[in-house]
Amino acid sequence: MEERKINFKKNDDNTPVLDPDGMLYEKLTEKQKKINERISLLLYMLKEGSLKEGTKEALLELFHKNAIDILNELGYEDSLNKKYNEYIQEIRSLNHENRELRKQLGMKVSNEDARERLKLITESFDEWWHNEGTGNIDEIIFDRYKMTATLRGSIFPSSREKEIKNQVEMLKKKGFDVSSVTNYGHHLTASEKNFNMLKELFKSAFPHSDIDEINTATYLGGESREEYVYVITKIIVNFNNLDDIKITEP
């Protein structure tokens, strides 16, 4: 039996951590803000004597989740996030296995199966809209017949400048018209070209979908920031067949 050697040179790795577009910094500072909020609330409630076990568990769970996200974003793997990631994967795999087993046995899908399925559908659509549109979603609602997504014509919150720039460039490369609005960031332009492109985009990706409504508004903006620009504020889309939304099973 040999002694295990301790790696004392771990901190001597001079490989730079690259973040050329600043997106990693933006994500990490957002996670840090959430962690600070949770811990500050926990300490305040503890000091005031109002902290309950249930609240403590909920706040620490959120703290733990954001801490794991930071480790994952930095590509750092240790027992903390490795165990958590394996746990999440195990839950999703188990849910998938149980769904398949119920299908084989002719059993009904459970509420938990349905919840997980809707979560996967929502995440998949969110990723699609980020890759194909503004990446900005107001809300997604499921009813007994369909899914309705209310999408914003604006591109991200105004504080995330680098992500806005990348999204604007992506949309322009796809052929969309994008307008700058004073104090309200960038929006899809309310042009006939954009209306037709959006209609074609949704029909090609989701054959059973239809755009129910496109809301528009006029704001000051443009290059001079003093001219009026006509922009899209919201796009309301109905999805009449959820099988159109492709999801990746665990």
C-alpha atoms as a PDB file:
ATOM      1  CA  MET A   1       0.000   0.000   0.000  1.00  0.00           C
ATOM      2  CA  GLU A   2       1.359   3.422  -0.977  1.00  0.00           C
ATOM      3  CA  GLU A   3       0.700   6.750   0.693  1.00  0.00           C
ATOM      4  CA  ARG A   4      -1.461   9.150  -1.263  1.00  0.00           C
ATOM      5  CA  LYS A   5       0.423  12.299  -2.123  1.00  0.00           C
ATOM      6  CA  ILE A   6      -1.059  15.724  -1.535  1.00  0.00           C
ATOM      7  CA  ASN A   7      -0.892  18.052  -4.512  1.00  0.00           C
ATOM      8  CA  PHE A   8       0.628  21.243  -3.101  1.00  0.00           C
ATOM      9  CA  LYS A   9       1.136  22.706  -6.592  1.00  0.00           C
ATOM     10  CA  LYS A  10      -2.558  23.024  -7.315  1.00  0.00           C
ATOM     11  CA  ASN A  11      -2.457  26.795  -6.807  1.00  0.00           C
ATOM     12  CA  ASP A  12       0.597  27.193  -9.057  1.00  0.00           C
ATOM     13  CA  ASP A  13      -1.416  26.730 -12.271  1.00  0.00           C
ATOM     14  CA  ASN A  14      -0.903  29.984 -14.229  1.00  0.00           C
ATOM     15  CA  THR A  15      -3.417  29.207 -16.974  1.00  0.00           C
ATOM     16  CA  PRO A  16      -5.554  32.353 -17.378  1.00  0.00           C
ATOM     17  CA  VAL A  17      -9.316  32.174 -16.909  1.00  0.00           C
ATOM     18  CA  LEU A  18     -10.666  33.770 -20.080  1.00  0.00           C
ATOM     19  CA  ASP A  19     -13.808  35.886 -20.306  1.00  0.00           C
ATOM     20  CA  PRO A  20     -13.417  37.873 -23.564  1.00  0.00           C
ATOM     21  CA  ASP A  21     -17.031  39.037 -23.825  1.00  0.00           C
ATOM     22  CA  GLY A  22     -17.605  39.545 -20.096  1.00  0.00           C
ATOM     23  CA  MET A  23     -20.572  37.148 -20.008  1.00  0.00           C
ATOM     24  CA  LEU A  24     -19.003  34.965 -17.306  1.00  0.00           C
ATOM     25  CA  TYR A  25     -18.472  38.016 -15.100  1.00  0.00           C
ATOM     26  CA  GLU A  26     -22.115  39.075 -15.602  1.00  0.00           C
ATOM     27  CA  LYS A  27     -23.416  35.608 -14.659  1.00  0.00           C
ATOM     28  CA  LEU A  28     -21.200  35.322 -11.578  1.00  0.00           C
ATOM     29  CA  THR A  29     -22.085  38.766 -10.244  1.00  0.00           C
ATOM     30  CA  GLU A  30     -25.784  37.935 -10.673  1.00  0.00           C
ATOM     31  CA  LYS A  31     -25.310  34.717  -8.670  1.00  0.00           C
ATOM     32  CA  GLN A  32     -23.311  36.598  -6.028  1.00  0.00           C
ATOM     33  CA  LYS A  33     -26.137  39.126  -5.678  1.00  0.00           C
ATOM     34  CA  LYS A  34     -28.665  36.338  -5.096  1.00  0.00           C
ATOM     35  CA  ILE A  35     -26.422  34.667  -2.508  1.00  0.00           C
ATOM     36  CA  ASN A  36     -25.960  37.950  -0.640  1.00  0.00           C
ATOM     37  CA  GLU A  37     -29.722  38.551  -0.613  1.00  0.00           C
ATOM     38  CA  ARG A  38     -30.449  35.105   0.858  1.00  0.00           C
ATOM     39  CA  ILE A  39     -27.783  35.292   3.546  1.00  0.00           C
ATOM     40  CA  SER A  40     -28.679  38.874   4.481  1.00  0.00           C
ATOM     41  CA  LEU A  41     -32.335  37.904   4.927  1.00  0.00           C
ATOM     42  CA  LEU A  42     -31.391  34.829   6.955  1.00  0.00           C
ATOM     43  CA  LEU A  43     -29.137  36.861   9.280  1.00  0.00           C
ATOM     44  CA  TYR A  44     -31.754  39.587   9.689  1.00  0.00           C
ATOM     45  CA  MET A  45     -34.478  37.093  10.607  1.00  0.00           C
ATOM     46  CA  LEU A  46     -32.103  35.277  12.957  1.00  0.00           C
ATOM     47  CA  LYS A  47     -31.257  38.542  14.736  1.00  0.00           C
ATOM     48  CA  GLU A  48     -34.948  39.479  15.006  1.00  0.00           C
ATOM     49  CA  GLY A  49     -35.826  36.047  16.362  1.00  0.00           C
ATOM     50  CA  SER A  50     -38.264  35.371  13.508  1.00  0.00           C
ATOM     51  CA  LEU A  51     -36.305  32.688  11.661  1.00  0.00           C
ATOM     52  CA  LYS A  52     -38.194  29.383  11.373  1.00  0.00           C
ATOM     53  CA  GLU A  53     -36.748  26.004  10.400  1.00  0.00           C
ATOM     54  CA  GLY A  54     -38.789  25.939   7.190  1.00  0.00           C
ATOM     55  CA  THR A  55     -37.597  29.407   6.150  1.00  0.00           C
ATOM     56  CA  LYS A  56     -34.026  28.513   7.054  1.00  0.00           C
ATOM     57  CA  GLU A  57     -34.163  25.393   4.881  1.00  0.00           C
ATOM     58  CA  ALA A  58     -35.667  27.325   1.938  1.00  0.00           C
ATOM     59  CA  LEU A  59     -33.067  30.134   2.098  1.00  0.00           C
ATOM     60  CA  LEU A  60     -30.139  27.726   2.452  1.00  0.00           C
ATOM     61  CA  GLU A  61     -31.415  25.620  -0.441  1.00  0.00           C
ATOM     62  CA  LEU A  62     -31.413  28.722  -2.668  1.00  0.00           C
ATOM     63  CA  PHE A  63     -27.956  29.671  -1.345  1.00  0.00           C
ATOM     64  CA  HIS A  64     -26.721  26.156  -2.109  1.00  0.00           C
ATOM     65  CA  LYS A  65     -28.179  26.210  -5.647  1.00  0.00           C
ATOM     66  CA  ASN A  66     -26.496  29.519  -6.527  1.00  0.00           C
ATOM     67  CA  ALA A  67     -23.181  28.367  -5.028  1.00  0.00           C
ATOM     68  CA  ILE A  68     -23.374  25.225  -7.201  1.00  0.00           C
ATOM     69  CA  ASP A  69     -24.137  27.365 -10.266  1.00  0.00           C
ATOM     70  CA  ILE A  70     -20.980  29.426  -9.622  1.00  0.00           C
ATOM     71  CA  LEU A  71     -18.835  26.278  -9.407  1.00  0.00           C
ATOM     72  CA  ASN A  72     -20.369  24.935 -12.619  1.00  0.00           C
ATOM     73  CA  GLU A  73     -19.909  28.225 -14.499  1.00  0.00           C
ATOM     74  CA  LEU A  74     -16.201  28.240 -13.543  1.00  0.00           C
ATOM     75  CA  GLY A  75     -15.754  24.613 -14.517  1.00  0.00           C
ATOM     76  CA  TYR A  76     -14.652  23.715 -11.007  1.00  0.00           C
ATOM     77  CA  GLU A  77     -15.605  20.254  -9.838  1.00  0.00           C
ATOM     78  CA  ASP A  78     -15.448  19.079  -6.263  1.00  0.00           C
ATOM     79  CA  SER A  79     -17.577  16.881  -4.054  1.00  0.00           C
ATOM     80  CA  LEU A  80     -20.130  19.687  -3.506  1.00  0.00           C
ATOM     81  CA  ASN A  81     -21.271  20.311  -7.072  1.00  0.00           C
ATOM     82  CA  LYS A  82     -20.399  16.842  -8.351  1.00  0.00           C
ATOM     83  CA  LYS A  83     -22.776  15.256  -5.852  1.00  0.00           C
ATOM     84  CA  TYR A  84     -25.494  17.832  -6.581  1.00  0.00           C
ATOM     85  CA  ASN A  85     -25.206  17.444 -10.371  1.00  0.00           C
ATOM     86  CA  GLU A  86     -25.329  13.657 -10.057  1.00  0.00           C
ATOM     87  CA  TYR A  87     -28.395  13.995  -7.801  1.00  0.00           C
ATOM     88  CA  ILE A  88     -30.248  16.168 -10.340  1.00  0.00           C
ATOM     89  CA  GLN A  89     -29.334  13.799 -13.172  1.00  0.00           C
ATOM     90  CA  GLU A  90     -30.476  10.828 -11.110  1.00  0.00           C
ATOM     91  CA  ILE A  91     -33.868  12.456 -10.425  1.00  0.00           C
ATOM     92  CA  ARG A  92     -34.434  13.238 -14.107  1.00  0.00           C
ATOM     93  CA  SER A  93     -33.341   9.767 -15.211  1.00  0.00           C
ATOM     94  CA  LEU A  94     -35.598   8.161 -12.620  1.00  0.00           C
ATOM     95  CA  ASN A  95     -38.572  10.286 -13.716  1.00  0.00           C
ATOM     96  CA  HIS A  96     -37.921   9.267 -17.318  1.00  0.00           C
ATOM     97  CA  GLU A  97     -37.678   5.569 -16.393  1.00  0.00           C
ATOM     98  CA  ASN A  98     -40.898   5.782 -14.382  1.00  0.00           C
ATOM     99  CA  ARG A  99     -42.739   7.434 -17.270  1.00  0.00           C
ATOM    100  CA  GLU A 100     -41.617   4.724 -19.652  1.00  0.00           C
ATOM    101  CA  LEU A 101     -42.588   1.996 -17.177  1.00  0.00           C
ATOM    102  CA  ARG A 102     -46.070   3.478 -16.734  1.00  0.00           C
ATOM    103  CA  LYS A 103     -46.497   3.603 -20.516  1.00  0.00           C
ATOM    104  CA  GLN A 104     -45.574  -0.083 -20.780  1.00  0.00           C
ATOM    105  CA  LEU A 105     -47.984  -0.976 -17.985  1.00  0.00           C
ATOM    106  CA  GLY A 106     -50.731   1.209 -19.388  1.00  0.00           C
ATOM    107  CA  MET A 107     -50.737   3.358 -16.263  1.00  0.00           C
ATOM    108  CA  LYS A 108     -51.599   7.033 -16.086  1.00  0.00           C
ATOM    109  CA  VAL A 109     -48.884   9.659 -15.917  1.00  0.00           C
ATOM    110  CA  SER A 110     -48.471  11.077 -12.386  1.00  0.00           C
ATOM    111  CA  ASN A 111     -48.691  14.770 -11.503  1.00  0.00           C
ATOM    112  CA  GLU A 112     -44.949  14.768 -10.812  1.00  0.00           C
ATOM    113  CA  ASP A 113     -44.281  13.341 -14.276  1.00  0.00           C
ATOM    114  CA  ALA A 114     -46.444  16.092 -15.784  1.00  0.00           C
ATOM    115  CA  ARG A 115     -44.667  18.797 -13.792  1.00  0.00           C
ATOM    116  CA  GLU A 116     -41.244  17.576 -14.916  1.00  0.00           C
ATOM    117  CA  ARG A 117     -42.419  17.369 -18.512  1.00  0.00           C
ATOM    118  CA  LEU A 118     -43.745  20.930 -18.499  1.00  0.00           C
ATOM    119  CA  LYS A 119     -40.487  22.099 -16.942  1.00  0.00           C
ATOM    120  CA  LEU A 120     -38.487  20.481 -19.753  1.00  0.00           C
ATOM    121  CA  ILE A 121     -40.802  21.985 -22.383  1.00  0.00           C
ATOM    122  CA  THR A 122     -40.418  25.454 -20.839  1.00  0.00           C
ATOM    123  CA  GLU A 123     -36.615  25.177 -20.619  1.00  0.00           C
ATOM    124  CA  SER A 124     -36.356  23.941 -24.214  1.00  0.00           C
ATOM    125  CA  PHE A 125     -38.545  26.751 -25.549  1.00  0.00           C
ATOM    126  CA  ASP A 126     -36.612  29.322 -23.496  1.00  0.00           C
ATOM    127  CA  GLU A 127     -33.361  28.104 -25.080  1.00  0.00           C
ATOM    128  CA  TRP A 128     -34.923  28.190 -28.564  1.00  0.00           C
ATOM    129  CA  TRP A 129     -36.157  31.791 -28.158  1.00  0.00           C
ATOM    130  CA  HIS A 130     -32.710  32.810 -26.903  1.00  0.00           C
ATOM    131  CA  ASN A 131     -31.114  31.318 -30.033  1.00  0.00           C
ATOM    132  CA  GLU A 132     -33.730  32.551 -32.517  1.00  0.00           C
ATOM    133  CA  GLY A 133     -35.315  35.680 -31.038  1.00  0.00           C
ATOM    134  CA  THR A 134     -34.860  38.321 -28.369  1.00  0.00           C
ATOM    135  CA  GLY A 135     -34.355  35.789 -25.556  1.00  0.00           C
ATOM    136  CA  ASN A 136     -36.801  37.787 -23.456  1.00  0.00           C
ATOM    137  CA  ILE A 137     -39.914  35.969 -22.182  1.00  0.00           C
ATOM    138  CA  ASP A 138     -42.695  37.615 -20.198  1.00  0.00           C
ATOM    139  CA  GLU A 139     -44.641  34.476 -19.268  1.00  0.00           C
ATOM    140  CA  ILE A 140     -45.610  30.980 -20.374  1.00  0.00           C
ATOM    141  CA  ILE A 141     -49.064  29.641 -19.522  1.00  0.00           C
ATOM    142  CA  PHE A 142     -50.437  26.123 -19.971  1.00  0.00           C
ATOM    143  CA  ASP A 143     -54.160  25.448 -20.135  1.00  0.00           C
ATOM    144  CA  ARG A 144     -56.177  22.366 -21.033  1.00  0.00           C
ATOM    145  CA  TYR A 145     -55.808  22.938 -24.786  1.00  0.00           C
ATOM    146  CA  LYS A 146     -52.520  24.706 -25.458  1.00  0.00           C
ATOM    147  CA  MET A 147     -49.437  26.592 -24.292  1.00  0.00           C
ATOM    148  CA  THR A 148     -49.412  30.369 -24.653  1.00  0.00           C
ATOM    149  CA  ALA A 149     -46.113  32.264 -24.615  1.00  0.00           C
ATOM    150  CA  THR A 150     -45.962  36.027 -24.201  1.00  0.00           C
ATOM    151  CA  LEU A 151     -42.599  37.148 -25.578  1.00  0.00           C
ATOM    152  CA  ARG A 152     -41.045  40.571 -25.231  1.00  0.00           C
ATOM    153  CA  GLY A 153     -39.842  42.499 -28.264  1.00  0.00           C
ATOM    154  CA  SER A 154     -37.115  44.081 -26.142  1.00  0.00           C
ATOM    155  CA  ILE A 155     -33.725  42.432 -25.811  1.00  0.00           C
ATOM    156  CA  PHE A 156     -32.717  41.606 -22.243  1.00  0.00           C
ATOM    157  CA  PRO A 157     -32.592  44.005 -19.269  1.00  0.00           C
ATOM    158  CA  SER A 158     -30.656  47.180 -20.029  1.00  0.00           C
ATOM    159  CA  SER A 159     -27.844  46.369 -17.543  1.00  0.00           C
ATOM    160  CA  ARG A 160     -26.519  43.359 -19.478  1.00  0.00           C
ATOM    161  CA  GLU A 161     -24.744  45.323 -22.202  1.00  0.00           C
ATOM    162  CA  LYS A 162     -22.502  42.595 -23.643  1.00  0.00           C
ATOM    163  CA  GLU A 163     -25.308  40.066 -23.912  1.00  0.00           C
ATOM    164  CA  ILE A 164     -27.504  42.720 -25.558  1.00  0.00           C
ATOM    165  CA  LYS A 165     -24.810  43.414 -28.145  1.00  0.00           C
ATOM    166  CA  ASN A 166     -24.440  39.716 -28.992  1.00  0.00           C
ATOM    167  CA  GLN A 167     -28.211  39.257 -29.258  1.00  0.00           C
ATOM    168  CA  VAL A 168     -28.629  42.332 -31.480  1.00  0.00           C
ATOM    169  CA  GLU A 169     -25.855  41.135 -33.806  1.00  0.00           C
ATOM    170  CA  MET A 170     -27.396  37.666 -33.999  1.00  0.00           C
ATOM    171  CA  LEU A 171     -30.842  39.066 -34.884  1.00  0.00           C
ATOM    172  CA  LYS A 172     -29.418  41.345 -37.564  1.00  0.00           C
ATOM    173  CA  LYS A 173     -27.504  38.445 -39.119  1.00  0.00           C
ATOM    174  CA  LYS A 174     -30.789  36.546 -39.327  1.00  0.00           C
ATOM    175  CA  GLY A 175     -32.281  39.520 -41.172  1.00  0.00           C
ATOM    176  CA  PHE A 176     -34.372  41.159 -38.456  1.00  0.00           C
ATOM    177  CA  ASP A 177     -34.643  44.929 -38.134  1.00  0.00           C
ATOM    178  CA  VAL A 178     -33.643  46.166 -34.667  1.00  0.00           C
ATOM    179  CA  SER A 179     -34.267  49.668 -33.293  1.00  0.00           C
ATOM    180  CA  SER A 180     -32.673  51.491 -30.386  1.00  0.00           C
ATOM    181  CA  VAL A 181     -35.117  53.110 -27.966  1.00  0.00           C
ATOM    182  CA  THR A 182     -34.080  55.906 -25.603  1.00  0.00           C
ATOM    183  CA  ASN A 183     -33.979  54.586 -22.006  1.00  0.00           C
ATOM    184  CA  TYR A 184     -35.562  51.269 -23.100  1.00  0.00           C
ATOM    185  CA  GLY A 185     -32.708  49.483 -24.887  1.00  0.00           C
ATOM    186  CA  HIS A 186     -33.091  47.612 -28.167  1.00  0.00           C
ATOM    187  CA  HIS A 187     -36.369  46.297 -29.612  1.00  0.00           C
ATOM    188  CA  LEU A 188     -37.449  44.433 -32.692  1.00  0.00           C
ATOM    189  CA  THR A 189     -38.682  47.034 -35.159  1.00  0.00           C
ATOM    190  CA  ALA A 190     -42.412  46.981 -35.923  1.00  0.00           C
ATOM    191  CA  SER A 191     -41.884  46.544 -39.653  1.00  0.00           C
ATOM    192  CA  GLU A 192     -43.755  44.438 -42.210  1.00  0.00           C
ATOM    193  CA  LYS A 193     -40.508  42.563 -42.793  1.00  0.00           C
ATOM    194  CA  ASN A 194     -40.238  41.581 -39.112  1.00  0.00           C
ATOM    195  CA  PHE A 195     -43.919  40.601 -38.921  1.00  0.00           C
ATOM    196  CA  ASN A 196     -43.479  38.225 -41.866  1.00  0.00           C
ATOM    197  CA  MET A 197     -40.206  36.834 -40.532  1.00  0.00           C
ATOM    198  CA  LEU A 198     -41.729  36.116 -37.113  1.00  0.00           C
ATOM    199  CA  LYS A 199     -44.704  34.378 -38.716  1.00  0.00           C
ATOM    200  CA  GLU A 200     -42.396  32.232 -40.840  1.00  0.00           C
ATOM    201  CA  LEU A 201     -40.048  31.554 -37.902  1.00  0.00           C
ATOM    202  CA  PHE A 202     -42.783  30.141 -35.655  1.00  0.00           C
ATOM    203  CA  LYS A 203     -44.560  28.208 -38.394  1.00  0.00           C
ATOM    204  CA  SER A 204     -41.346  26.524 -39.538  1.00  0.00           C
ATOM    205  CA  ALA A 205     -40.250  25.591 -36.001  1.00  0.00           C
ATOM    206  CA  PHE A 206     -43.727  24.841 -34.577  1.00  0.00           C
ATOM    207  CA  PRO A 207     -46.180  23.875 -37.366  1.00  0.00           C
ATOM    208  CA  HIS A 208     -49.226  23.939 -35.066  1.00  0.00           C
ATOM    209  CA  SER A 209     -48.480  27.368 -33.614  1.00  0.00           C
ATOM    210  CA  ASP A 210     -50.045  30.700 -34.508  1.00  0.00           C
ATOM    211  CA  ILE A 211     -49.221  34.260 -33.559  1.00  0.00           C
ATOM    212  CA  ASP A 212     -52.288  35.547 -31.762  1.00  0.00           C
ATOM    213  CA  GLU A 213     -51.200  39.135 -31.285  1.00  0.00           C
ATOM    214  CA  ILE A 214     -48.252  41.488 -31.783  1.00  0.00           C
ATOM    215  CA  ASN A 215     -48.293  44.605 -29.596  1.00  0.00           C
ATOM    216  CA  THR A 216     -46.454  47.690 -30.790  1.00  0.00           C
ATOM    217  CA  ALA A 217     -45.556  51.133 -29.491  1.00  0.00           C
ATOM    218  CA  THR A 218     -43.852  54.339 -30.589  1.00  0.00           C
ATOM    219  CA  TYR A 219     -40.874  55.648 -28.632  1.00  0.00           C
ATOM    220  CA  LEU A 220     -38.135  58.211 -29.004  1.00  0.00           C
ATOM    221  CA  GLY A 221     -34.918  56.606 -30.194  1.00  0.00           C
ATOM    222  CA  GLY A 222     -32.896  55.921 -33.323  1.00  0.00           C
ATOM    223  CA  GLU A 223     -29.328  57.072 -33.860  1.00  0.00           C
ATOM    224  CA  SER A 224     -30.153  60.646 -32.867  1.00  0.00           C
ATOM    225  CA  ARG A 225     -32.184  59.394 -29.873  1.00  0.00           C
ATOM    226  CA  GLU A 226     -34.669  62.132 -30.789  1.00  0.00           C
ATOM    227  CA  GLU A 227     -36.616  60.530 -33.643  1.00  0.00           C
ATOM    228  CA  TYR A 228     -39.703  58.379 -33.219  1.00  0.00           C
ATOM    229  CA  VAL A 229     -39.299  54.658 -33.765  1.00  0.00           C
ATOM    230  CA  TYR A 230     -42.071  52.082 -34.135  1.00  0.00           C
ATOM    231  CA  VAL A 231     -41.214  48.887 -32.244  1.00  0.00           C
ATOM    232  CA  ILE A 232     -42.622  45.538 -31.125  1.00  0.00           C
ATOM    233  CA  THR A 233     -43.300  45.315 -27.396  1.00  0.00           C
ATOM    234  CA  LYS A 234     -44.943  41.882 -27.068  1.00  0.00           C
ATOM    235  CA  ILE A 235     -45.580  38.810 -29.207  1.00  0.00           C
ATOM    236  CA  ILE A 236     -48.305  36.431 -28.015  1.00  0.00           C
ATOM    237  CA  VAL A 237     -48.037  32.949 -29.523  1.00  0.00           C
ATOM    238  CA  ASN A 238     -50.321  29.929 -29.095  1.00  0.00           C
ATOM    239  CA  PHE A 239     -48.857  26.423 -29.335  1.00  0.00           C
ATOM    240  CA  ASN A 240     -51.637  23.965 -30.095  1.00  0.00           C
ATOM    241  CA  ASN A 241     -49.467  20.834 -30.127  1.00  0.00           C
ATOM    242  CA  LEU A 242     -46.746  20.541 -27.477  1.00  0.00           C
ATOM    243  CA  ASP A 243     -45.087  17.749 -29.451  1.00  0.00           C
ATOM    244  CA  ASP A 244     -43.847  20.508 -31.785  1.00  0.00           C
ATOM    245  CA  ILE A 245     -41.480  21.638 -29.012  1.00  0.00           C
ATOM    246  CA  LYS A 246     -38.502  19.309 -29.137  1.00  0.00           C
ATOM    247  CA  ILE A 247     -36.982  18.506 -25.761  1.00  0.00           C
ATOM    248  CA  THR A 248     -33.911  16.536 -24.811  1.00  0.00           C
ATOM    249  CA  GLU A 249     -34.662  13.653 -22.512  1.00  0.00           C
ATOM    250  CA  PRO A 250     -32.113  13.019 -19.686  1.00  0.00           C
END
